[in-house]
N, C-alpha and C. Protein backbone atom coordinates (compact mmCIF):
# COMPACT_ATOMS: atom_id res chain seq x y z
N MET A 1 0.83 -1.18 0.00
CA MET A 1 0.00 0.00 0.00
C MET A 1 0.88 1.25 0.00
N ALA A 2 0.66 2.12 -0.93
CA ALA A 2 1.47 3.32 -1.09
C ALA A 2 0.86 4.47 -0.28
N PHE A 3 1.74 5.30 0.26
CA PHE A 3 1.28 6.48 0.97
C PHE A 3 1.00 7.59 -0.04
N ARG A 4 0.01 8.41 0.30
CA ARG A 4 -0.28 9.55 -0.58
C ARG A 4 0.78 10.62 -0.35
N PRO A 5 1.11 11.38 -1.36
CA PRO A 5 2.10 12.46 -1.16
C PRO A 5 1.54 13.51 -0.20
N GLU A 6 2.45 14.10 0.56
CA GLU A 6 2.04 15.11 1.54
C GLU A 6 1.60 16.38 0.83
N HIS A 7 0.51 16.93 1.27
CA HIS A 7 -0.02 18.15 0.66
C HIS A 7 0.81 19.35 1.10
N GLU A 8 0.84 20.38 0.28
CA GLU A 8 1.62 21.58 0.56
C GLU A 8 1.12 22.28 1.83
N LEU A 9 -0.16 22.21 2.08
CA LEU A 9 -0.73 22.83 3.28
C LEU A 9 -0.16 22.20 4.55
N HIS A 10 0.04 20.90 4.55
CA HIS A 10 0.60 20.22 5.71
C HIS A 10 2.05 20.62 5.95
N LYS A 11 2.78 20.88 4.90
CA LYS A 11 4.16 21.32 5.04
C LYS A 11 4.22 22.70 5.69
N ARG A 12 3.35 23.59 5.25
CA ARG A 12 3.32 24.93 5.85
C ARG A 12 2.87 24.86 7.30
N ARG A 13 1.87 24.04 7.58
CA ARG A 13 1.36 23.91 8.94
C ARG A 13 2.44 23.35 9.86
N PHE A 14 3.22 22.39 9.37
CA PHE A 14 4.31 21.82 10.17
C PHE A 14 5.34 22.90 10.51
N GLY A 15 5.65 23.76 9.56
CA GLY A 15 6.60 24.84 9.81
C GLY A 15 6.10 25.79 10.89
N ARG A 16 4.83 26.13 10.83
CA ARG A 16 4.26 27.01 11.85
C ARG A 16 4.23 26.33 13.22
N ASN A 17 3.84 25.07 13.24
CA ASN A 17 3.80 24.34 14.51
C ASN A 17 5.19 24.20 15.11
N LEU A 18 6.17 23.96 14.28
CA LEU A 18 7.54 23.85 14.77
C LEU A 18 8.01 25.18 15.36
N GLY A 19 7.73 26.26 14.68
CA GLY A 19 8.10 27.58 15.19
C GLY A 19 7.42 27.90 16.51
N LEU A 20 6.14 27.60 16.59
CA LEU A 20 5.40 27.85 17.82
C LEU A 20 5.90 26.96 18.96
N GLY A 21 6.21 25.72 18.64
CA GLY A 21 6.75 24.80 19.66
C GLY A 21 8.09 25.26 20.18
N LEU A 22 8.96 25.72 19.29
CA LEU A 22 10.26 26.23 19.72
C LEU A 22 10.13 27.49 20.57
N THR A 23 9.19 28.37 20.19
CA THR A 23 8.95 29.58 20.97
C THR A 23 8.43 29.23 22.36
N LEU A 24 7.51 28.29 22.44
CA LEU A 24 6.99 27.86 23.73
C LEU A 24 8.08 27.22 24.59
N ALA A 25 8.91 26.39 23.97
CA ALA A 25 10.01 25.75 24.71
C ALA A 25 11.00 26.80 25.23
N ALA A 26 11.27 27.83 24.43
CA ALA A 26 12.18 28.90 24.88
C ALA A 26 11.57 29.67 26.05
N PHE A 27 10.28 29.92 26.01
CA PHE A 27 9.62 30.63 27.12
C PHE A 27 9.67 29.79 28.40
N VAL A 28 9.40 28.51 28.29
CA VAL A 28 9.45 27.62 29.45
C VAL A 28 10.86 27.58 30.02
N ALA A 29 11.87 27.50 29.15
CA ALA A 29 13.26 27.48 29.61
C ALA A 29 13.62 28.79 30.31
N LEU A 30 13.12 29.92 29.81
CA LEU A 30 13.39 31.21 30.43
C LEU A 30 12.77 31.29 31.82
N VAL A 31 11.53 30.88 31.96
CA VAL A 31 10.86 30.90 33.26
C VAL A 31 11.58 29.96 34.23
N PHE A 32 11.98 28.79 33.76
CA PHE A 32 12.70 27.84 34.61
C PHE A 32 14.03 28.43 35.07
N ALA A 33 14.76 29.05 34.14
CA ALA A 33 16.06 29.64 34.49
C ALA A 33 15.89 30.77 35.51
N LEU A 34 14.90 31.62 35.33
CA LEU A 34 14.67 32.69 36.29
C LEU A 34 14.29 32.13 37.66
N THR A 35 13.52 31.06 37.69
CA THR A 35 13.15 30.44 38.96
C THR A 35 14.37 29.85 39.65
N VAL A 36 15.22 29.18 38.91
CA VAL A 36 16.43 28.58 39.49
C VAL A 36 17.34 29.67 40.05
N VAL A 37 17.52 30.76 39.33
CA VAL A 37 18.37 31.85 39.79
C VAL A 37 17.80 32.46 41.06
N LYS A 38 16.51 32.66 41.12
CA LYS A 38 15.90 33.26 42.30
C LYS A 38 16.05 32.35 43.50
N VAL A 39 15.88 31.05 43.33
CA VAL A 39 16.01 30.11 44.44
C VAL A 39 17.46 30.05 44.90
N GLN A 40 18.41 30.05 43.99
CA GLN A 40 19.81 29.95 44.37
C GLN A 40 20.30 31.21 45.07
N ARG A 41 19.77 32.37 44.71
CA ARG A 41 20.18 33.61 45.37
C ARG A 41 19.65 33.70 46.78
N GLY A 42 18.62 32.96 47.10
CA GLY A 42 18.07 32.96 48.45
C GLY A 42 17.19 34.16 48.75
N ASP A 43 16.65 34.80 47.73
CA ASP A 43 15.75 35.93 47.97
C ASP A 43 14.52 35.45 48.71
N PRO A 44 14.01 36.28 49.61
CA PRO A 44 12.79 35.88 50.31
C PRO A 44 11.62 35.80 49.33
N MET A 45 10.90 34.70 49.39
CA MET A 45 9.76 34.51 48.50
C MET A 45 8.49 34.77 49.28
N GLU A 46 8.13 36.02 49.38
CA GLU A 46 6.93 36.40 50.11
C GLU A 46 5.89 36.92 49.13
N ALA A 47 4.72 36.41 49.25
CA ALA A 47 3.63 36.88 48.41
C ALA A 47 2.85 37.96 49.15
N TYR A 48 2.15 38.76 48.41
CA TYR A 48 1.33 39.82 49.02
C TYR A 48 0.02 39.20 49.47
N ASP A 49 -0.11 39.04 50.78
CA ASP A 49 -1.32 38.41 51.31
C ASP A 49 -2.03 39.29 52.34
N HIS A 50 -1.84 40.60 52.26
CA HIS A 50 -2.53 41.57 53.11
C HIS A 50 -2.20 41.40 54.59
N VAL A 51 -0.99 40.98 54.89
CA VAL A 51 -0.56 40.82 56.27
C VAL A 51 0.68 41.68 56.45
N VAL A 52 0.71 42.44 57.57
CA VAL A 52 1.87 43.27 57.85
C VAL A 52 2.97 42.38 58.41
N ARG A 53 4.14 42.48 57.81
CA ARG A 53 5.30 41.72 58.29
C ARG A 53 6.24 42.68 59.02
N PRO A 54 6.74 42.27 60.17
CA PRO A 54 7.65 43.17 60.90
C PRO A 54 8.89 43.54 60.09
N GLY A 55 9.36 42.64 59.25
CA GLY A 55 10.55 42.93 58.46
C GLY A 55 10.32 43.96 57.37
N SER A 56 9.08 44.20 56.99
CA SER A 56 8.80 45.14 55.91
C SER A 56 8.46 46.54 56.43
N VAL A 57 8.29 46.68 57.75
CA VAL A 57 7.98 47.98 58.34
C VAL A 57 9.29 48.69 58.65
N PRO A 58 9.46 49.95 58.22
CA PRO A 58 10.71 50.66 58.51
C PRO A 58 10.86 50.90 60.01
N LYS A 59 12.11 50.77 60.48
CA LYS A 59 12.39 50.98 61.91
C LYS A 59 12.36 52.47 62.21
N GLU A 60 11.92 52.78 63.43
CA GLU A 60 11.89 54.18 63.88
C GLU A 60 13.26 54.59 64.38
N GLU A 61 13.49 55.88 64.40
CA GLU A 61 14.75 56.41 64.93
C GLU A 61 14.80 56.14 66.43
N GLY A 62 15.90 55.63 66.90
CA GLY A 62 16.08 55.39 68.33
C GLY A 62 15.59 54.04 68.82
N SER A 63 14.92 53.25 68.00
CA SER A 63 14.47 51.93 68.46
C SER A 63 15.58 50.92 68.19
N PRO A 64 15.72 49.91 69.05
CA PRO A 64 16.81 48.94 68.88
C PRO A 64 16.66 48.05 67.71
């Protein structure tokens, strides 16, 4: 049984899908790299949850 020749439309669609897949993979790699760098630097990972944190309030003059 012989395969039918691939249509020109499928070739163009494959090119677009490949480009979109590579773009998506690059975005995922960028987000992963930024996450790894942030974790390795040890930055505090605090989300904004409407709670006052003592570390975020500026100290007054004269207080220990």
